[in-house]
Amino acid sequence: MDARTMRRRFLAGLGSGLRVVWPILSVLLALMVAAGLVIGVLEGWPVLDALYFTFVSGLTIGYGDLVPKRQVSRALAIAIGVCGVLVTALVAAVAVKALGTALSDDER
C-alpha cells in the first residue's frame, strides 16, 4: 500500500474516532473554557487573557505569564490542567487507534 492510501485510511479512522468521542471532548473543552472565564473574572483579567490562560494551562505548557493569585482560581487552574490532560489523552488514543486500523488494513 502506498503512503497516500495509508494517509487516507488514517485520516478516515481519525475522523470517525473523533466523531465517537466528540461528546466527551466537547464537554471537557466547555468545562475548561467555563473555568477559565471564572478565573478571569476572579483575577480581573480580560476575556482573551482568560482564554489564553485556559488553553496554555490545559495543554500543560503553562508559560507563567498569567498566574492566578486566589485559592479558588488556583483550584480551578488545577481542574483545567486535568481536563487538558484528558483531552490530550483522548485525541492521542483516537489517533493511535486510527493508525492501528490503517496499518492492519495494510496487512490484509
N, C-alpha and C. Protein backbone atom coordinates (compact mmCIF):
# COMPACT_ATOMS: atom_id res chain seq x y z
N MET A 1 0.85 -1.18 0.00
CA MET A 1 0.00 0.00 0.00
C MET A 1 0.90 1.24 0.00
N ASP A 2 0.51 2.21 -0.78
CA ASP A 2 1.32 3.42 -0.84
C ASP A 2 0.96 4.37 0.30
N ALA A 3 1.80 5.38 0.47
CA ALA A 3 1.64 6.32 1.58
C ALA A 3 0.33 7.11 1.48
N ARG A 4 -0.09 7.43 0.28
CA ARG A 4 -1.31 8.21 0.11
C ARG A 4 -2.53 7.43 0.60
N THR A 5 -2.59 6.16 0.28
CA THR A 5 -3.71 5.32 0.71
C THR A 5 -3.70 5.16 2.23
N MET A 6 -2.51 4.94 2.80
CA MET A 6 -2.42 4.79 4.25
C MET A 6 -2.82 6.09 4.95
N ARG A 7 -2.38 7.22 4.41
CA ARG A 7 -2.74 8.51 5.00
C ARG A 7 -4.25 8.71 4.93
N ARG A 8 -4.86 8.34 3.81
CA ARG A 8 -6.31 8.47 3.66
C ARG A 8 -7.04 7.60 4.68
N ARG A 9 -6.57 6.36 4.85
CA ARG A 9 -7.21 5.46 5.83
C ARG A 9 -7.03 5.98 7.26
N PHE A 10 -5.83 6.50 7.54
CA PHE A 10 -5.59 7.05 8.88
C PHE A 10 -6.53 8.22 9.15
N LEU A 11 -6.62 9.15 8.21
CA LEU A 11 -7.47 10.32 8.41
C LEU A 11 -8.94 9.93 8.51
N ALA A 12 -9.36 8.93 7.74
CA ALA A 12 -10.74 8.45 7.85
C ALA A 12 -10.99 7.85 9.23
N GLY A 13 -10.05 7.06 9.73
CA GLY A 13 -10.17 6.48 11.06
C GLY A 13 -10.13 7.53 12.15
N LEU A 14 -9.29 8.54 11.96
CA LEU A 14 -9.21 9.63 12.93
C LEU A 14 -10.52 10.40 12.97
N GLY A 15 -11.08 10.68 11.82
CA GLY A 15 -12.35 11.40 11.77
C GLY A 15 -13.49 10.63 12.41
N SER A 16 -13.56 9.33 12.11
CA SER A 16 -14.65 8.54 12.70
C SER A 16 -14.45 8.38 14.21
N GLY A 17 -13.22 8.24 14.65
CA GLY A 17 -12.96 8.14 16.09
C GLY A 17 -13.29 9.42 16.83
N LEU A 18 -12.95 10.57 16.22
CA LEU A 18 -13.26 11.84 16.86
C LEU A 18 -14.76 12.08 16.91
N ARG A 19 -15.49 11.58 15.91
CA ARG A 19 -16.96 11.70 15.96
C ARG A 19 -17.52 10.90 17.14
N VAL A 20 -16.90 9.78 17.46
CA VAL A 20 -17.37 8.95 18.58
C VAL A 20 -17.12 9.64 19.92
N VAL A 21 -15.93 10.21 20.10
CA VAL A 21 -15.58 10.81 21.39
C VAL A 21 -15.91 12.30 21.46
N TRP A 22 -16.48 12.86 20.37
CA TRP A 22 -16.76 14.30 20.36
C TRP A 22 -17.63 14.76 21.53
N PRO A 23 -18.68 14.02 21.93
CA PRO A 23 -19.45 14.50 23.10
C PRO A 23 -18.59 14.66 24.35
N ILE A 24 -17.68 13.75 24.58
CA ILE A 24 -16.80 13.84 25.75
C ILE A 24 -15.84 15.01 25.58
N LEU A 25 -15.24 15.12 24.40
CA LEU A 25 -14.30 16.22 24.15
C LEU A 25 -14.99 17.57 24.29
N SER A 26 -16.19 17.69 23.77
CA SER A 26 -16.87 18.99 23.83
C SER A 26 -17.22 19.37 25.27
N VAL A 27 -17.60 18.39 26.08
CA VAL A 27 -17.89 18.68 27.49
C VAL A 27 -16.61 19.11 28.21
N LEU A 28 -15.51 18.40 27.96
CA LEU A 28 -14.25 18.77 28.61
C LEU A 28 -13.79 20.17 28.18
N LEU A 29 -13.89 20.47 26.89
CA LEU A 29 -13.50 21.79 26.41
C LEU A 29 -14.40 22.88 26.99
N ALA A 30 -15.70 22.59 27.10
CA ALA A 30 -16.63 23.57 27.68
C ALA A 30 -16.31 23.81 29.15
N LEU A 31 -15.99 22.74 29.88
CA LEU A 31 -15.61 22.90 31.29
C LEU A 31 -14.34 23.72 31.42
N MET A 32 -13.39 23.48 30.53
CA MET A 32 -12.13 24.24 30.57
C MET A 32 -12.40 25.73 30.32
N VAL A 33 -13.19 26.04 29.30
CA VAL A 33 -13.48 27.43 28.98
C VAL A 33 -14.25 28.10 30.12
N ALA A 34 -15.24 27.41 30.67
CA ALA A 34 -16.02 27.97 31.77
C ALA A 34 -15.13 28.26 32.98
N ALA A 35 -14.27 27.30 33.33
CA ALA A 35 -13.37 27.51 34.46
C ALA A 35 -12.40 28.65 34.18
N GLY A 36 -11.92 28.72 32.96
CA GLY A 36 -11.00 29.81 32.60
C GLY A 36 -11.67 31.18 32.68
N LEU A 37 -12.92 31.25 32.24
CA LEU A 37 -13.63 32.53 32.33
C LEU A 37 -13.90 32.92 33.78
N VAL A 38 -14.21 31.93 34.63
CA VAL A 38 -14.40 32.23 36.05
C VAL A 38 -13.10 32.74 36.65
N ILE A 39 -12.00 32.10 36.30
CA ILE A 39 -10.70 32.57 36.79
C ILE A 39 -10.44 33.99 36.31
N GLY A 40 -10.75 34.26 35.05
CA GLY A 40 -10.56 35.60 34.52
C GLY A 40 -11.34 36.65 35.27
N VAL A 41 -12.58 36.33 35.61
CA VAL A 41 -13.40 37.28 36.38
C VAL A 41 -12.81 37.47 37.77
N LEU A 42 -12.45 36.38 38.43
CA LEU A 42 -11.91 36.47 39.79
C LEU A 42 -10.59 37.24 39.83
N GLU A 43 -9.77 37.06 38.81
CA GLU A 43 -8.46 37.69 38.79
C GLU A 43 -8.46 39.06 38.10
N GLY A 44 -9.60 39.43 37.49
CA GLY A 44 -9.68 40.72 36.82
C GLY A 44 -8.96 40.76 35.47
N TRP A 45 -8.89 39.62 34.81
CA TRP A 45 -8.23 39.54 33.50
C TRP A 45 -9.25 39.80 32.40
N PRO A 46 -8.78 40.32 31.25
CA PRO A 46 -9.66 40.40 30.08
C PRO A 46 -10.04 38.99 29.59
N VAL A 47 -11.12 38.91 28.83
CA VAL A 47 -11.61 37.60 28.36
C VAL A 47 -10.56 36.87 27.54
N LEU A 48 -9.89 37.57 26.64
CA LEU A 48 -8.87 36.91 25.81
C LEU A 48 -7.71 36.38 26.64
N ASP A 49 -7.32 37.11 27.67
CA ASP A 49 -6.27 36.62 28.56
C ASP A 49 -6.73 35.38 29.31
N ALA A 50 -7.99 35.38 29.73
CA ALA A 50 -8.52 34.21 30.44
C ALA A 50 -8.55 32.99 29.53
N LEU A 51 -8.96 33.17 28.27
CA LEU A 51 -8.97 32.05 27.32
C LEU A 51 -7.55 31.60 27.00
N TYR A 52 -6.65 32.54 26.85
CA TYR A 52 -5.24 32.21 26.62
C TYR A 52 -4.71 31.37 27.79
N PHE A 53 -4.96 31.83 29.01
CA PHE A 53 -4.52 31.10 30.20
C PHE A 53 -5.11 29.69 30.21
N THR A 54 -6.39 29.58 29.85
CA THR A 54 -7.06 28.29 29.86
C THR A 54 -6.36 27.28 28.96
N PHE A 55 -6.10 27.66 27.73
CA PHE A 55 -5.54 26.69 26.80
C PHE A 55 -4.04 26.49 26.97
N VAL A 56 -3.33 27.51 27.42
CA VAL A 56 -1.91 27.30 27.72
C VAL A 56 -1.77 26.37 28.92
N SER A 57 -2.62 26.55 29.92
CA SER A 57 -2.58 25.66 31.09
C SER A 57 -3.14 24.28 30.75
N GLY A 58 -4.19 24.24 29.94
CA GLY A 58 -4.81 22.97 29.57
C GLY A 58 -3.90 22.10 28.73
N LEU A 59 -3.05 22.71 27.95
CA LEU A 59 -2.08 21.95 27.16
C LEU A 59 -0.82 21.65 27.97
N THR A 60 -0.86 21.96 29.24
CA THR A 60 0.21 21.71 30.22
C THR A 60 1.51 22.42 29.87
N ILE A 61 1.41 23.51 29.12
CA ILE A 61 2.60 24.30 28.82
C ILE A 61 2.87 25.25 29.98
N GLY A 62 1.88 26.03 30.34
CA GLY A 62 1.97 26.92 31.49
C GLY A 62 3.15 27.86 31.45
N TYR A 63 3.11 28.88 30.62
CA TYR A 63 4.23 29.81 30.48
C TYR A 63 4.53 30.58 31.75
N GLY A 64 3.53 30.86 32.57
CA GLY A 64 3.75 31.59 33.81
C GLY A 64 3.57 33.09 33.67
N ASP A 65 3.16 33.55 32.49
CA ASP A 65 2.94 34.99 32.33
C ASP A 65 1.63 35.44 32.98
N LEU A 66 0.67 34.54 33.10
CA LEU A 66 -0.55 34.80 33.85
C LEU A 66 -0.63 33.76 34.97
N VAL A 67 -0.71 34.24 36.18
CA VAL A 67 -0.71 33.34 37.34
C VAL A 67 -1.88 33.70 38.25
N PRO A 68 -2.76 32.74 38.54
CA PRO A 68 -3.86 33.05 39.46
C PRO A 68 -3.35 33.24 40.89
N LYS A 69 -3.90 34.21 41.56
CA LYS A 69 -3.46 34.53 42.93
C LYS A 69 -4.41 33.97 43.99
N ARG A 70 -5.68 33.90 43.69
CA ARG A 70 -6.67 33.44 44.68
C ARG A 70 -6.67 31.92 44.77
N GLN A 71 -7.05 31.39 45.93
CA GLN A 71 -7.08 29.95 46.13
C GLN A 71 -8.11 29.27 45.22
N VAL A 72 -9.27 29.88 45.07
CA VAL A 72 -10.30 29.31 44.21
C VAL A 72 -9.81 29.27 42.76
N SER A 73 -9.15 30.31 42.34
CA SER A 73 -8.61 30.36 40.97
C SER A 73 -7.56 29.28 40.77
N ARG A 74 -6.75 29.07 41.76
CA ARG A 74 -5.72 28.02 41.66
C ARG A 74 -6.34 26.64 41.58
N ALA A 75 -7.38 26.42 42.36
CA ALA A 75 -8.07 25.12 42.30
C ALA A 75 -8.71 24.91 40.93
N LEU A 76 -9.29 25.96 40.38
CA LEU A 76 -9.86 25.85 39.03
C LEU A 76 -8.78 25.63 37.98
N ALA A 77 -7.61 26.22 38.19
CA ALA A 77 -6.50 26.01 37.26
C ALA A 77 -6.05 24.55 37.27
N ILE A 78 -6.09 23.93 38.44
CA ILE A 78 -5.77 22.50 38.52
C ILE A 78 -6.81 21.69 37.74
N ALA A 79 -8.08 22.05 37.88
CA ALA A 79 -9.13 21.35 37.13
C ALA A 79 -8.94 21.54 35.63
N ILE A 80 -8.52 22.73 35.20
CA ILE A 80 -8.23 22.96 33.79
C ILE A 80 -7.10 22.04 33.33
N GLY A 81 -6.07 21.91 34.14
CA GLY A 81 -4.95 21.04 33.79
C GLY A 81 -5.37 19.59 33.65
N VAL A 82 -6.21 19.11 34.56
CA VAL A 82 -6.68 17.73 34.50
C VAL A 82 -7.53 17.52 33.25
N CYS A 83 -8.43 18.46 32.97
CA CYS A 83 -9.24 18.36 31.75
C CYS A 83 -8.37 18.39 30.50
N GLY A 84 -7.33 19.21 30.51
CA GLY A 84 -6.42 19.27 29.38
C GLY A 84 -5.69 17.97 29.14
N VAL A 85 -5.28 17.33 30.21
CA VAL A 85 -4.62 16.02 30.08
C VAL A 85 -5.60 14.99 29.51
N LEU A 86 -6.84 15.03 29.96
CA LEU A 86 -7.86 14.11 29.44
C LEU A 86 -8.13 14.36 27.96
N VAL A 87 -8.21 15.61 27.55
CA VAL A 87 -8.42 15.94 26.13
C VAL A 87 -7.26 15.41 25.30
N THR A 88 -6.04 15.66 25.76
CA THR A 88 -4.86 15.19 25.04
C THR A 88 -4.84 13.67 24.95
N ALA A 89 -5.18 13.01 26.04
CA ALA A 89 -5.18 11.54 26.06
C ALA A 89 -6.24 10.98 25.12
N LEU A 90 -7.41 11.57 25.09
CA LEU A 90 -8.47 11.10 24.19
C LEU A 90 -8.07 11.25 22.73
N VAL A 91 -7.52 12.40 22.38
CA VAL A 91 -7.11 12.62 20.99
C VAL A 91 -5.97 11.67 20.62
N ALA A 92 -5.03 11.48 21.53
CA ALA A 92 -3.92 10.55 21.26
C ALA A 92 -4.43 9.12 21.10
N ALA A 93 -5.37 8.71 21.95
CA ALA A 93 -5.91 7.35 21.86
C ALA A 93 -6.64 7.14 20.54
N VAL A 94 -7.39 8.13 20.12
CA VAL A 94 -8.10 8.01 18.83
C VAL A 94 -7.10 7.94 17.69
N ALA A 95 -6.03 8.73 17.76
CA ALA A 95 -5.01 8.72 16.71
C ALA A 95 -4.28 7.38 16.66
N VAL A 96 -3.97 6.81 17.81
CA VAL A 96 -3.29 5.51 17.84
C VAL A 96 -4.21 4.43 17.28
N LYS A 97 -5.48 4.48 17.64
CA LYS A 97 -6.45 3.51 17.10
C LYS A 97 -6.57 3.65 15.58
N ALA A 98 -6.61 4.87 15.09
CA ALA A 98 -6.71 5.10 13.65
C ALA A 98 -5.45 4.60 12.94
N LEU A 99 -4.30 4.82 13.53
CA LEU A 99 -3.05 4.33 12.93
C LEU A 99 -3.02 2.81 12.92
N GLY A 100 -3.46 2.20 14.02
CA GLY A 100 -3.52 0.74 14.08
C GLY A 100 -4.46 0.17 13.03
N THR A 101 -5.58 0.81 12.84
CA THR A 101 -6.54 0.37 11.82
C THR A 101 -5.95 0.52 10.43
N ALA A 102 -5.29 1.65 10.18
CA ALA A 102 -4.69 1.87 8.85
C ALA A 102 -3.60 0.85 8.57
N LEU A 103 -2.82 0.51 9.58
CA LEU A 103 -1.74 -0.48 9.41
C LEU A 103 -2.30 -1.89 9.26
N SER A 104 -3.35 -2.21 10.02
CA SER A 104 -3.91 -3.55 9.91
C SER A 104 -4.61 -3.76 8.56
N ASP A 105 -5.18 -2.70 8.02
CA ASP A 105 -5.76 -2.78 6.68
C ASP A 105 -4.68 -3.03 5.64
N ASP A 106 -3.48 -2.53 5.92
CA ASP A 106 -2.35 -2.71 5.01
C ASP A 106 -1.92 -4.18 4.95
N GLU A 107 -2.07 -4.89 6.07
CA GLU A 107 -1.60 -6.30 6.13
C GLU A 107 -2.58 -7.26 5.47
N ARG A 108 -3.80 -6.81 5.20
CA ARG A 108 -4.80 -7.70 4.59
C ARG A 108 -4.54 -7.95 3.14
